[in-house]
Protein backbone atom coordinates (compact mmCIF):
# COMPACT_ATOMS: atom_id res chain seq x y z
CA SER A 1 3.66 28.45 -13.86
CA PRO A 2 2.20 30.00 -17.03
CA GLU A 3 5.70 30.43 -18.44
CA GLU A 4 6.53 26.75 -17.91
CA LEU A 5 3.22 25.77 -19.47
CA GLY A 6 3.86 27.96 -22.49
CA TYR A 7 7.27 26.37 -22.96
CA ALA A 8 5.88 22.82 -22.78
CA LEU A 9 3.05 23.61 -25.21
CA ALA A 10 5.46 25.05 -27.77
CA ASP A 11 8.13 22.39 -27.27
CA SER A 12 5.67 19.49 -27.65
CA VAL A 13 3.91 21.12 -30.64
CA ALA A 14 0.57 20.63 -28.84
CA ALA A 15 -2.68 21.18 -30.70
CA CYS A 16 -5.08 21.28 -27.75
CA LEU A 17 -5.00 22.34 -24.08
CA VAL A 18 -7.64 21.27 -21.54
CA PHE A 19 -7.28 23.04 -18.18
CA ASP A 20 -9.24 23.76 -15.00
CA ASP A 21 -7.43 26.78 -13.54
CA ALA A 22 -9.77 29.34 -12.04
CA GLU A 23 -8.12 32.20 -13.90
CA ARG A 24 -8.17 31.80 -17.67
CA ALA A 25 -6.26 34.94 -18.61
CA PRO A 26 -2.76 33.96 -17.33
CA ILE A 27 -3.04 30.59 -19.07
CA GLU A 28 -4.37 31.82 -22.38
CA ALA A 29 -1.78 34.61 -22.43
CA VAL A 30 1.04 32.08 -22.92
CA VAL A 31 -0.71 29.62 -25.23
CA PRO A 32 1.02 29.58 -28.64
CA PRO A 33 -1.06 30.56 -31.68
CA GLY A 34 -3.03 27.69 -33.15
CA VAL A 35 -3.47 25.77 -29.87
CA ALA A 36 -7.15 25.27 -29.02
CA THR A 37 -8.01 25.86 -25.34
CA PHE A 38 -10.87 24.32 -23.38
CA HIS A 39 -11.84 25.12 -19.80
CA THR A 40 -13.31 22.13 -17.97
CA GLY A 41 -15.59 24.30 -15.84
CA GLU A 42 -17.73 25.10 -18.86
CA ALA A 43 -19.84 22.15 -19.99
CA PRO A 44 -20.01 23.03 -23.70
CA GLN A 45 -16.27 23.57 -23.74
CA ALA A 46 -15.67 20.24 -22.04
CA ASP A 47 -17.78 18.45 -24.66
CA ALA A 48 -15.89 20.19 -27.44
CA ALA A 49 -12.58 19.26 -25.82
CA LEU A 50 -13.52 15.58 -25.76
CA ALA A 51 -14.57 15.71 -29.40
CA GLU A 52 -11.29 17.41 -30.27
CA LEU A 53 -9.24 14.79 -28.43
CA ARG A 54 -11.14 11.84 -29.86
CA GLY A 55 -11.03 13.10 -33.42
CA THR A 56 -13.34 11.99 -36.15
CA GLY A 57 -11.72 8.69 -37.09
CA ALA A 58 -12.08 5.37 -35.33
CA PRO A 59 -9.29 4.52 -32.87
CA PRO A 60 -6.75 1.97 -34.08
CA ALA A 61 -7.69 -1.62 -33.37
CA GLU A 62 -4.22 -2.42 -32.08
CA LEU A 63 -1.36 -0.46 -30.58
CA ASP A 64 2.30 -1.31 -30.83
CA ALA A 65 3.89 -1.37 -27.38
CA GLY A 66 6.81 0.58 -28.79
CA GLU A 67 4.68 3.45 -30.08
CA ASP A 68 4.86 6.82 -28.33
CA ALA A 69 2.11 7.33 -25.74
CA VAL A 70 2.91 10.60 -23.95
CA ILE A 71 5.46 13.36 -23.67
CA PHE A 72 6.01 13.84 -19.93
CA TYR A 73 7.96 16.88 -18.78
CA THR A 74 10.62 16.72 -16.07
CA SER A 75 10.86 19.33 -13.33
CA GLY A 76 13.70 21.12 -15.09
CA THR A 77 15.71 21.73 -11.93
CA THR A 78 18.95 22.48 -13.79
CA SER A 79 17.63 23.84 -17.09
CA LYS A 80 14.46 23.90 -19.15
CA PRO A 81 12.14 20.91 -18.51
CA LYS A 82 12.94 17.98 -20.76
CA GLY A 83 10.15 16.36 -22.75
CA VAL A 84 10.43 12.63 -21.94
CA VAL A 85 8.77 10.45 -24.58
CA LEU A 86 7.27 7.31 -23.04
CA SER A 87 5.91 4.37 -25.00
CA HIS A 88 2.73 2.43 -24.27
CA GLY A 89 4.82 -0.60 -23.32
CA ALA A 90 7.08 1.33 -20.96
CA ILE A 91 4.11 2.79 -19.11
CA LEU A 92 2.31 -0.54 -18.87
CA ASP A 93 5.39 -2.44 -17.67
CA SER A 94 6.26 0.16 -15.05
CA CYS A 95 2.71 0.46 -13.75
CA LEU A 96 2.30 -3.32 -13.51
CA LEU A 97 5.54 -3.49 -11.52
CA ASN A 98 4.35 -0.68 -9.28
CA ALA A 99 1.03 -2.47 -8.74
CA GLU A 100 2.99 -5.57 -7.74
CA GLY A 101 5.21 -3.54 -5.42
CA TRP A 102 2.17 -2.08 -3.67
CA ARG A 103 0.61 -5.59 -3.49
CA LEU A 104 -2.50 -3.94 -4.93
CA ARG A 105 -5.78 -5.78 -4.64
CA ALA A 106 -9.27 -4.93 -5.84
CA SER A 107 -10.42 -4.00 -2.34
CA ASP A 108 -7.75 -1.29 -1.98
CA ARG A 109 -8.60 2.41 -1.98
CA SER A 110 -5.75 4.74 -2.93
CA TYR A 111 -5.82 8.45 -2.03
CA ILE A 112 -4.20 10.68 -4.66
CA VAL A 113 -3.46 14.26 -3.64
CA LEU A 114 -0.32 14.81 -5.72
CA PRO A 115 -0.80 16.44 -9.16
CA LEU A 116 -1.47 14.10 -12.08
CA PHE A 117 0.97 16.05 -14.27
CA HIS A 118 3.71 14.43 -12.16
CA CYS A 119 4.82 10.86 -12.80
CA ASN A 120 4.47 9.94 -9.12
CA ALA A 121 0.69 10.36 -8.95
CA LEU A 122 0.01 9.11 -12.47
CA PHE A 123 2.32 6.10 -12.77
CA MET A 124 2.75 5.10 -9.13
CA GLN A 125 -0.87 5.54 -8.12
CA LEU A 126 -3.61 6.16 -10.68
CA VAL A 127 -2.69 3.76 -13.52
CA PRO A 128 -1.55 0.89 -11.23
CA VAL A 129 -4.78 1.22 -9.24
CA LEU A 130 -6.89 1.05 -12.40
CA LEU A 131 -4.91 -1.94 -13.69
CA ALA A 132 -5.56 -3.74 -10.41
CA GLY A 133 -9.28 -2.99 -10.43
CA ALA A 134 -8.93 -1.05 -7.18
CA THR A 135 -10.41 2.36 -6.32
CA ALA A 136 -8.68 5.71 -6.86
CA VAL A 137 -9.88 8.68 -4.82
CA LEU A 138 -8.73 12.04 -6.22
CA GLY A 139 -8.30 14.81 -3.66
CA ASP A 140 -8.41 18.49 -4.57
CA ARG A 141 -5.10 19.25 -2.85
CA TYR A 142 -2.95 18.12 0.06
CA SER A 143 -3.70 19.59 3.48
CA ALA A 144 -1.73 18.47 6.53
CA SER A 145 -4.58 19.37 8.90
CA ARG A 146 -7.23 17.50 6.88
CA TYR A 147 -5.26 14.61 5.36
CA LEU A 148 -6.00 11.89 7.92
CA ASP A 149 -9.64 12.96 8.24
CA GLU A 150 -10.00 12.62 4.47
CA CYS A 151 -8.33 9.20 4.56
CA ARG A 152 -10.83 8.10 7.20
CA GLU A 153 -13.77 9.53 5.27
CA HIS A 154 -12.84 7.63 2.09
CA ARG A 155 -11.66 4.48 3.94
CA ILE A 156 -8.24 4.74 2.31
CA THR A 157 -5.96 1.71 2.52
CA LEU A 158 -2.99 3.02 0.49
CA ALA A 159 -1.46 6.48 0.65
CA ASN A 160 1.39 8.12 -1.20
CA ILE A 161 2.79 11.59 -0.54
CA THR A 162 6.18 13.29 -0.37
CA ALA A 163 8.79 13.67 2.34
CA GLY A 164 7.78 17.29 2.97
CA ALA A 165 4.15 16.27 3.38
CA ILE A 166 5.09 13.64 5.98
CA ARG A 167 7.07 16.27 7.88
CA SER A 168 4.03 18.55 7.84
CA LEU A 169 1.87 15.70 9.18
CA LEU A 170 4.31 15.13 12.05
CA ALA A 171 4.18 18.87 12.81
CA GLN A 172 0.44 18.66 13.49
CA PRO A 173 -0.68 18.38 17.13
CA ALA A 174 -0.89 14.77 18.26
CA ALA A 175 -4.45 13.46 18.47
CA ALA A 176 -6.14 10.44 19.95
CA ALA A 177 -7.42 9.54 16.47
CA ASP A 178 -3.96 9.40 14.88
CA ARG A 179 -4.19 5.59 14.60
CA ASP A 180 -7.88 5.56 13.69
CA HIS A 181 -7.60 4.72 9.99
CA GLU A 182 -7.47 1.80 7.55
CA ILE A 183 -4.16 2.70 5.89
CA ARG A 184 -2.01 -0.42 5.49
CA LEU A 185 0.91 1.34 3.75
CA LEU A 186 2.20 4.88 3.27
CA THR A 187 4.83 5.42 0.58
CA PHE A 188 6.73 8.58 -0.20
CA GLY A 189 9.23 10.12 -2.59
CA LEU A 190 12.23 12.34 -1.74
CA PRO A 191 14.42 11.58 1.27
CA LEU A 192 13.48 11.49 4.95
CA HIS A 193 15.80 10.91 7.90
CA GLY A 194 15.51 7.51 9.53
CA GLU A 195 14.21 9.03 12.75
CA GLU A 196 11.44 10.80 10.83
CA VAL A 197 10.30 7.51 9.31
CA GLU A 198 10.38 5.89 12.76
CA ALA A 199 8.40 8.77 14.25
CA ALA A 200 5.70 8.51 11.58
CA GLU A 201 5.40 4.75 12.00
CA ALA A 202 5.23 5.01 15.79
CA ARG A 203 2.64 7.76 15.74
CA TYR A 204 0.31 6.55 13.00
CA GLY A 205 0.80 2.79 13.14
CA PHE A 206 1.33 2.14 9.44
CA PRO A 207 4.57 1.16 7.68
CA VAL A 208 6.29 4.02 5.85
CA ARG A 209 8.34 3.09 2.79
CA MET A 210 10.40 5.18 0.37
CA TRP A 211 10.02 4.75 -3.39
CA TYR A 212 12.48 6.02 -5.96
CA GLY A 213 11.73 6.53 -9.62
CA LEU A 214 12.35 8.68 -12.67
CA THR A 215 10.18 10.40 -15.21
CA GLU A 216 12.26 8.56 -17.82
CA THR A 217 11.18 5.18 -16.37
CA ALA A 218 7.51 6.08 -15.92
CA ALA A 219 8.17 6.27 -12.17
CA GLY A 220 9.58 2.74 -12.06
CA GLY A 221 12.58 2.36 -9.81
CA THR A 222 13.16 0.94 -6.38
CA SER A 223 11.15 0.61 -3.18
CA GLY A 224 12.27 -0.23 0.30
């Protein structure tokens, strides 16, 4: 929400915000003074945003693995979101482990419909896929009625959603094409009942596995 965004911008002492929301006014209304804003839908603004982010100096030749890379905000379910500082090394180690857990190969195509401001999509999907030389397909948003059609269209081999999304898939009318796909593995976060996992596997024909991770570990955790 705009209020959550305003809190994160102020808490992280951000200097620049790049966003693609259709409505600018609610976003800009909560941006602290001194924070430059750039809307990606406007080409000149996008160019200026890239120049702002890159700066005028040359990037450092080497990075220390222990240096801070990002401040990633938790969901803040019990209080204000916590700004989790992750180092370059922590992100790399976790994403390499996740790539290994997925058994990622260059021929894989991963469909990402979860938001990239969440550690699941960024550290369990996008970065591991790039490290493996595989293909990442970014969807606009999750839709239960269109999800499998989109997976077929993009020849997706790996999929990752949430427990609620799997429930919404199972709630769709059964179709003859339910097993017409190239998905070799579907992973999810948040808990499902055993019978729900069994129902998804029986209906769609791919293995369904739960992953557990934390923002503080760059989404590294356990898989089963």
